[in-house]
PDB file of N, CA and C in Angstrom:
ATOM      1  N   UNK A   1       0.885  -1.118  -0.040  1.00  0.00           N
ATOM      2  CA  UNK A   1       0.035  -0.204   0.099  1.00  0.00           C
ATOM      3  C   UNK A   1       0.972   1.084   0.031  1.00  0.00           C
ATOM      4  N   UNK A   2       0.414   2.402  -0.487  1.00  0.00           N
ATOM      5  CA  UNK A   2       1.267   3.646  -0.458  1.00  0.00           C
ATOM      6  C   UNK A   2       0.425   4.455   0.489  1.00  0.00           C
ATOM      7  N   UNK A   3       1.387   5.357   1.021  1.00  0.00           N
ATOM      8  CA  UNK A   3       0.911   6.255   1.981  1.00  0.00           C
ATOM      9  C   UNK A   3       1.744   7.675   1.793  1.00  0.00           C
ATOM     10  N   UNK A   4       1.088   8.535   1.058  1.00  0.00           N
ATOM     11  CA  UNK A   4       1.735   9.860   0.803  1.00  0.00           C
ATOM     12  C   UNK A   4       2.693   9.537  -0.178  1.00  0.00           C
ATOM     13  N   UNK A   5       2.445   8.828  -1.287  1.00  0.00           N
ATOM     14  CA  UNK A   5       3.127   8.701  -2.421  1.00  0.00           C
ATOM     15  C   UNK A   5       4.416   7.510  -2.216  1.00  0.00           C
ATOM     16  N   UNK A   6       4.614   6.890  -0.910  1.00  0.00           N
ATOM     17  CA  UNK A   6       5.488   5.996  -0.570  1.00  0.00           C
ATOM     18  C   UNK A   6       5.077   4.697  -0.151  1.00  0.00           C
ATOM     19  N   UNK A   7       5.554   3.481  -0.812  1.00  0.00           N
ATOM     20  CA  UNK A   7       5.268   2.257  -0.282  1.00  0.00           C
ATOM     21  C   UNK A   7       5.430   1.927   1.230  1.00  0.00           C
ATOM     22  N   UNK A   8       4.462   1.300   1.980  1.00  0.00           N
ATOM     23  CA  UNK A   8       4.732   1.054   3.432  1.00  0.00           C
ATOM     24  C   UNK A   8       4.220  -0.432   3.648  1.00  0.00           C
ATOM     25  N   UNK A   9       4.667  -0.789   4.570  1.00  0.00           N
ATOM     26  CA  UNK A   9       4.330  -2.443   4.901  1.00  0.00           C
ATOM     27  C   UNK A   9       2.835  -2.427   5.266  1.00  0.00           C
ATOM     28  N   UNK A  10       2.450  -3.428   4.392  1.00  0.00           N
ATOM     29  CA  UNK A  10       0.818  -3.592   4.537  1.00  0.00           C
ATOM     30  C   UNK A  10       0.626  -4.609   5.961  1.00  0.00           C
ATOM     31  N   UNK A  11      -0.317  -4.142   6.889  1.00  0.00           N
ATOM     32  CA  UNK A  11      -0.684  -5.041   7.924  1.00  0.00           C
ATOM     33  C   UNK A  11      -2.166  -5.386   7.846  1.00  0.00           C
ATOM     34  N   UNK A  12      -2.551  -6.769   7.593  1.00  0.00           N
ATOM     35  CA  UNK A  12      -3.700  -7.407   7.532  1.00  0.00           C
ATOM     36  C   UNK A  12      -4.790  -6.459   8.829  1.00  0.00           C
ATOM     37  N   UNK A  13      -5.856  -6.387   8.503  1.00  0.00           N
ATOM     38  CA  UNK A  13      -6.927  -5.865   9.300  1.00  0.00           C
ATOM     39  C   UNK A  13      -6.495  -4.499  10.046  1.00  0.00           C
ATOM     40  N   UNK A  14      -5.884  -3.590   9.407  1.00  0.00           N
ATOM     41  CA  UNK A  14      -5.691  -2.350  10.033  1.00  0.00           C
ATOM     42  C   UNK A  14      -6.634  -1.322   9.409  1.00  0.00           C
ATOM     43  N   UNK A  15      -7.160  -0.479  10.404  1.00  0.00           N
ATOM     44  CA  UNK A  15      -7.743   0.366  10.132  1.00  0.00           C
ATOM     45  C   UNK A  15      -7.193   1.890   9.821  1.00  0.00           C
ATOM     46  N   UNK A  16      -7.848   2.657   9.230  1.00  0.00           N
ATOM     47  CA  UNK A  16      -7.483   4.128   9.058  1.00  0.00           C
ATOM     48  C   UNK A  16      -6.929   4.683  10.323  1.00  0.00           C
ATOM     49  N   UNK A  17      -7.606   4.437  11.584  1.00  0.00           N
ATOM     50  CA  UNK A  17      -7.344   4.942  12.912  1.00  0.00           C
ATOM     51  C   UNK A  17      -6.283   4.373  13.396  1.00  0.00           C
ATOM     52  N   UNK A  18      -5.872   3.011  12.916  1.00  0.00           N
ATOM     53  CA  UNK A  18      -4.697   2.434  13.548  1.00  0.00           C
ATOM     54  C   UNK A  18      -3.284   3.188  12.643  1.00  0.00           C
ATOM     55  N   UNK A  19      -3.690   3.311  11.295  1.00  0.00           N
ATOM     56  CA  UNK A  19      -2.625   4.061  10.581  1.00  0.00           C
ATOM     57  C   UNK A  19      -2.099   5.268  11.128  1.00  0.00           C
ATOM     58  N   UNK A  20      -3.239   6.150  11.529  1.00  0.00           N
ATOM     59  CA  UNK A  20      -3.018   7.341  11.821  1.00  0.00           C
ATOM     60  C   UNK A  20      -2.209   7.372  13.466  1.00  0.00           C
ATOM     61  N   UNK A  21      -2.535   6.074  14.338  1.00  0.00           N
ATOM     62  CA  UNK A  21      -2.031   6.118  15.443  1.00  0.00           C
ATOM     63  C   UNK A  21      -0.425   5.495  15.283  1.00  0.00           C
ATOM     64  N   UNK A  22      -0.318   4.890  14.141  1.00  0.00           N
ATOM     65  CA  UNK A  22       1.110   4.308  13.785  1.00  0.00           C
ATOM     66  C   UNK A  22       1.842   5.832  13.655  1.00  0.00           C
ATOM     67  N   UNK A  23       1.378   6.782  12.697  1.00  0.00           N
ATOM     68  CA  UNK A  23       2.156   8.163  12.625  1.00  0.00           C
ATOM     69  C   UNK A  23       1.838   9.353  13.874  1.00  0.00           C
ATOM     70  N   UNK A  24       1.432   8.884  15.025  1.00  0.00           N
ATOM     71  CA  UNK A  24       0.969  10.002  15.946  1.00  0.00           C
ATOM     72  C   UNK A  24       0.320  10.895  15.390  1.00  0.00           C
ATOM     73  N   UNK A  25      -0.641  10.561  14.731  1.00  0.00           N
ATOM     74  CA  UNK A  25      -1.399  11.868  14.212  1.00  0.00           C
ATOM     75  C   UNK A  25      -2.938  11.968  14.904  1.00  0.00           C
ATOM     76  N   UNK A  26      -3.278  12.877  15.070  1.00  0.00           N
ATOM     77  CA  UNK A  26      -4.519  13.071  15.752  1.00  0.00           C
ATOM     78  C   UNK A  26      -5.793  13.306  14.566  1.00  0.00           C
ATOM     79  N   UNK A  27      -6.718  12.294  14.609  1.00  0.00           N
ATOM     80  CA  UNK A  27      -7.641  11.998  13.705  1.00  0.00           C
ATOM     81  C   UNK A  27      -8.638  13.301  13.756  1.00  0.00           C
ATOM     82  N   UNK A  28      -8.469  14.375  14.677  1.00  0.00           N
ATOM     83  CA  UNK A  28      -9.295  15.543  14.367  1.00  0.00           C
ATOM     84  C   UNK A  28      -8.588  16.630  13.622  1.00  0.00           C
ATOM     85  N   UNK A  29      -7.198  16.222  13.399  1.00  0.00           N
ATOM     86  CA  UNK A  29      -6.349  17.193  12.817  1.00  0.00           C
ATOM     87  C   UNK A  29      -5.855  16.798  11.346  1.00  0.00           C
ATOM     88  N   UNK A  30      -6.656  15.790  10.701  1.00  0.00           N
ATOM     89  CA  UNK A  30      -6.010  15.526   9.428  1.00  0.00           C
ATOM     90  C   UNK A  30      -7.337  15.301   8.640  1.00  0.00           C
ATOM     91  N   UNK A  31      -6.914  15.262   7.188  1.00  0.00           N
ATOM     92  CA  UNK A  31      -7.868  14.702   6.359  1.00  0.00           C
ATOM     93  C   UNK A  31      -7.285  13.648   5.677  1.00  0.00           C
ATOM     94  N   UNK A  32      -7.950  12.433   5.336  1.00  0.00           N
ATOM     95  CA  UNK A  32      -7.564  11.214   4.842  1.00  0.00           C
ATOM     96  C   UNK A  32      -8.389  10.966   3.325  1.00  0.00           C
ATOM     97  N   UNK A  33      -7.497  10.660   2.333  1.00  0.00           N
ATOM     98  CA  UNK A  33      -8.015  10.449   1.071  1.00  0.00           C
ATOM     99  C   UNK A  33      -7.670   8.857   0.939  1.00  0.00           C
ATOM    100  N   UNK A  34      -8.600   8.265   0.355  1.00  0.00           N
ATOM    101  CA  UNK A  34      -8.132   6.675   0.014  1.00  0.00           C
ATOM    102  C   UNK A  34      -8.880   6.709  -1.462  1.00  0.00           C
ATOM    103  N   UNK A  35      -7.805   6.444  -2.224  1.00  0.00           N
ATOM    104  CA  UNK A  35      -7.948   5.865  -3.668  1.00  0.00           C
ATOM    105  C   UNK A  35      -8.626   7.207  -4.288  1.00  0.00           C
ATOM    106  N   UNK A  36      -8.711   8.562  -3.903  1.00  0.00           N
ATOM    107  CA  UNK A  36      -9.142   9.869  -4.463  1.00  0.00           C
ATOM    108  C   UNK A  36     -10.401  10.059  -3.918  1.00  0.00           C
ATOM    109  N   UNK A  37     -10.576   9.340  -2.708  1.00  0.00           N
ATOM    110  CA  UNK A  37     -12.043   9.681  -2.074  1.00  0.00           C
ATOM    111  C   UNK A  37     -11.898  10.101  -0.416  1.00  0.00           C
ATOM    112  N   UNK A  38     -12.207  11.164  -0.191  1.00  0.00           N
ATOM    113  CA  UNK A  38     -11.976  11.521   1.013  1.00  0.00           C
ATOM    114  C   UNK A  38     -12.941  10.882   2.000  1.00  0.00           C
ATOM    115  N   UNK A  39     -12.275  10.455   3.235  1.00  0.00           N
ATOM    116  CA  UNK A  39     -13.119   9.737   4.351  1.00  0.00           C
ATOM    117  C   UNK A  39     -13.498  10.621   5.275  1.00  0.00           C
ATOM    118  N   UNK A  40     -14.783  10.493   5.483  1.00  0.00           N
ATOM    119  CA  UNK A  40     -15.125  11.257   6.847  1.00  0.00           C
ATOM    120  C   UNK A  40     -14.528  10.722   8.200  1.00  0.00           C
ATOM    121  N   UNK A  41     -14.031  11.597   9.275  1.00  0.00           N
ATOM    122  CA  UNK A  41     -13.461  10.962  10.283  1.00  0.00           C
ATOM    123  C   UNK A  41     -14.469   9.825  11.042  1.00  0.00           C
ATOM    124  N   UNK A  42     -15.550   9.800  10.793  1.00  0.00           N
ATOM    125  CA  UNK A  42     -16.565   8.943  11.630  1.00  0.00           C
ATOM    126  C   UNK A  42     -16.155   7.658  11.226  1.00  0.00           C
ATOM    127  N   UNK A  43     -15.581   7.390   9.814  1.00  0.00           N
ATOM    128  CA  UNK A  43     -15.318   5.816   9.389  1.00  0.00           C
ATOM    129  C   UNK A  43     -14.059   5.543   9.505  1.00  0.00           C
ATOM    130  N   UNK A  44     -13.019   6.184  10.099  1.00  0.00           N
ATOM    131  CA  UNK A  44     -11.644   6.028  10.453  1.00  0.00           C
ATOM    132  C   UNK A  44     -11.466   4.672  10.892  1.00  0.00           C
ATOM    133  N   UNK A  45     -12.154   4.304  12.112  1.00  0.00           N
ATOM    134  CA  UNK A  45     -12.262   3.211  12.770  1.00  0.00           C
ATOM    135  C   UNK A  45     -12.755   1.859  11.897  1.00  0.00           C
ATOM    136  N   UNK A  46     -13.699   2.354  11.380  1.00  0.00           N
ATOM    137  CA  UNK A  46     -14.474   0.933  10.339  1.00  0.00           C
ATOM    138  C   UNK A  46     -13.769   0.686   8.904  1.00  0.00           C
ATOM    139  N   UNK A  47     -13.073   1.688   8.390  1.00  0.00           N
ATOM    140  CA  UNK A  47     -12.335   1.458   7.241  1.00  0.00           C
ATOM    141  C   UNK A  47     -11.047   0.707   7.187  1.00  0.00           C
ATOM    142  N   UNK A  48     -11.035  -0.622   6.879  1.00  0.00           N
ATOM    143  CA  UNK A  48     -10.027  -1.494   6.817  1.00  0.00           C
ATOM    144  C   UNK A  48      -9.154  -1.406   5.511  1.00  0.00           C
ATOM    145  N   UNK A  49      -7.778  -0.995   5.694  1.00  0.00           N
ATOM    146  CA  UNK A  49      -7.143  -0.860   4.484  1.00  0.00           C
ATOM    147  C   UNK A  49      -6.787  -1.971   3.580  1.00  0.00           C
ATOM    148  N   UNK A  50      -6.678  -1.720   2.471  1.00  0.00           N
ATOM    149  CA  UNK A  50      -6.165  -2.970   1.359  1.00  0.00           C
ATOM    150  C   UNK A  50      -5.092  -2.670   1.030  1.00  0.00           C
ATOM    151  N   UNK A  51      -4.306  -3.877   0.626  1.00  0.00           N
ATOM    152  CA  UNK A  51      -3.045  -3.684  -0.161  1.00  0.00           C
ATOM    153  C   UNK A  51      -2.580  -2.982  -1.262  1.00  0.00           C
ATOM    154  N   UNK A  52      -3.726  -2.504  -1.816  1.00  0.00           N
ATOM    155  CA  UNK A  52      -3.726  -1.711  -3.159  1.00  0.00           C
ATOM    156  C   UNK A  52      -4.089  -0.481  -2.891  1.00  0.00           C
ATOM    157  N   UNK A  53      -4.536  -0.106  -1.717  1.00  0.00           N
ATOM    158  CA  UNK A  53      -5.005   1.171  -1.376  1.00  0.00           C
ATOM    159  C   UNK A  53      -3.848   2.282  -1.608  1.00  0.00           C
ATOM    160  N   UNK A  54      -4.274   3.624  -2.001  1.00  0.00           N
ATOM    161  CA  UNK A  54      -3.127   4.608  -2.071  1.00  0.00           C
ATOM    162  C   UNK A  54      -3.848   5.805  -1.052  1.00  0.00           C
ATOM    163  N   UNK A  55      -3.112   6.017  -0.071  1.00  0.00           N
ATOM    164  CA  UNK A  55      -3.658   6.772   0.991  1.00  0.00           C
ATOM    165  C   UNK A  55      -2.980   7.882   0.962  1.00  0.00           C
ATOM    166  N   UNK A  56      -3.733   9.189   1.134  1.00  0.00           N
ATOM    167  CA  UNK A  56      -2.948  10.497   1.498  1.00  0.00           C
ATOM    168  C   UNK A  56      -3.630  11.167   2.860  1.00  0.00           C
ATOM    169  N   UNK A  57      -2.582  11.547   3.489  1.00  0.00           N
ATOM    170  CA  UNK A  57      -2.933  12.023   5.006  1.00  0.00           C
ATOM    171  C   UNK A  57      -2.325  13.482   4.841  1.00  0.00           C
ATOM    172  N   UNK A  58      -3.236  14.387   5.052  1.00  0.00           N
ATOM    173  CA  UNK A  58      -2.830  16.154   5.054  1.00  0.00           C
ATOM    174  C   UNK A  58      -3.200  16.149   6.423  1.00  0.00           C
ATOM    175  N   UNK A  59      -2.010  16.829   7.241  1.00  0.00           N
ATOM    176  CA  UNK A  59      -2.155  17.430   8.519  1.00  0.00           C
ATOM    177  C   UNK A  59      -2.453  18.931   8.545  1.00  0.00           C
ATOM    178  N   UNK A  60      -2.980  19.396   9.472  1.00  0.00           N
ATOM    179  CA  UNK A  60      -3.385  20.851   9.712  1.00  0.00           C
ATOM    180  C   UNK A  60      -2.380  21.304  10.685  1.00  0.00           C
ATOM    181  N   UNK A  61      -1.612  22.382  10.004  1.00  0.00           N
ATOM    182  CA  UNK A  61      -0.634  22.870  11.031  1.00  0.00           C
ATOM    183  C   UNK A  61      -0.982  24.426  11.321  1.00  0.00           C
ATOM    184  N   UNK A  62      -1.130  24.773  12.677  1.00  0.00           N
ATOM    185  CA  UNK A  62      -1.497  25.856  12.954  1.00  0.00           C
ATOM    186  C   UNK A  62       0.009  26.999  13.021  1.00  0.00           C
ATOM    187  N   UNK A  63      -0.234  28.047  12.976  1.00  0.00           N
ATOM    188  CA  UNK A  63       0.940  29.222  13.156  1.00  0.00           C
ATOM    189  C   UNK A  63       0.563  30.530  13.050  1.00  0.00           C
ATOM    190  N   UNK A  64       1.194  31.428  12.880  1.00  0.00           N
ATOM    191  CA  UNK A  64       1.054  32.668  12.951  1.00  0.00           C
ATOM    192  C   UNK A  64       1.938  33.561  12.889  1.00  0.00           C
TER     193      UNK A  64
END
């Protein structure tokens, strides 16, 4: 599977929420796109990644 354009190790039965936890990302501060479809945060725990998925994670960064 690809995350942000890089091949990463695929793990069986991993949810988007698990993936975010692996990257220490807060589900409330990211947008996740899977195969060119933006996922709602409510489905992060339910959506199980597939070996062929292309995932983009965009983090919000504050500043001023």
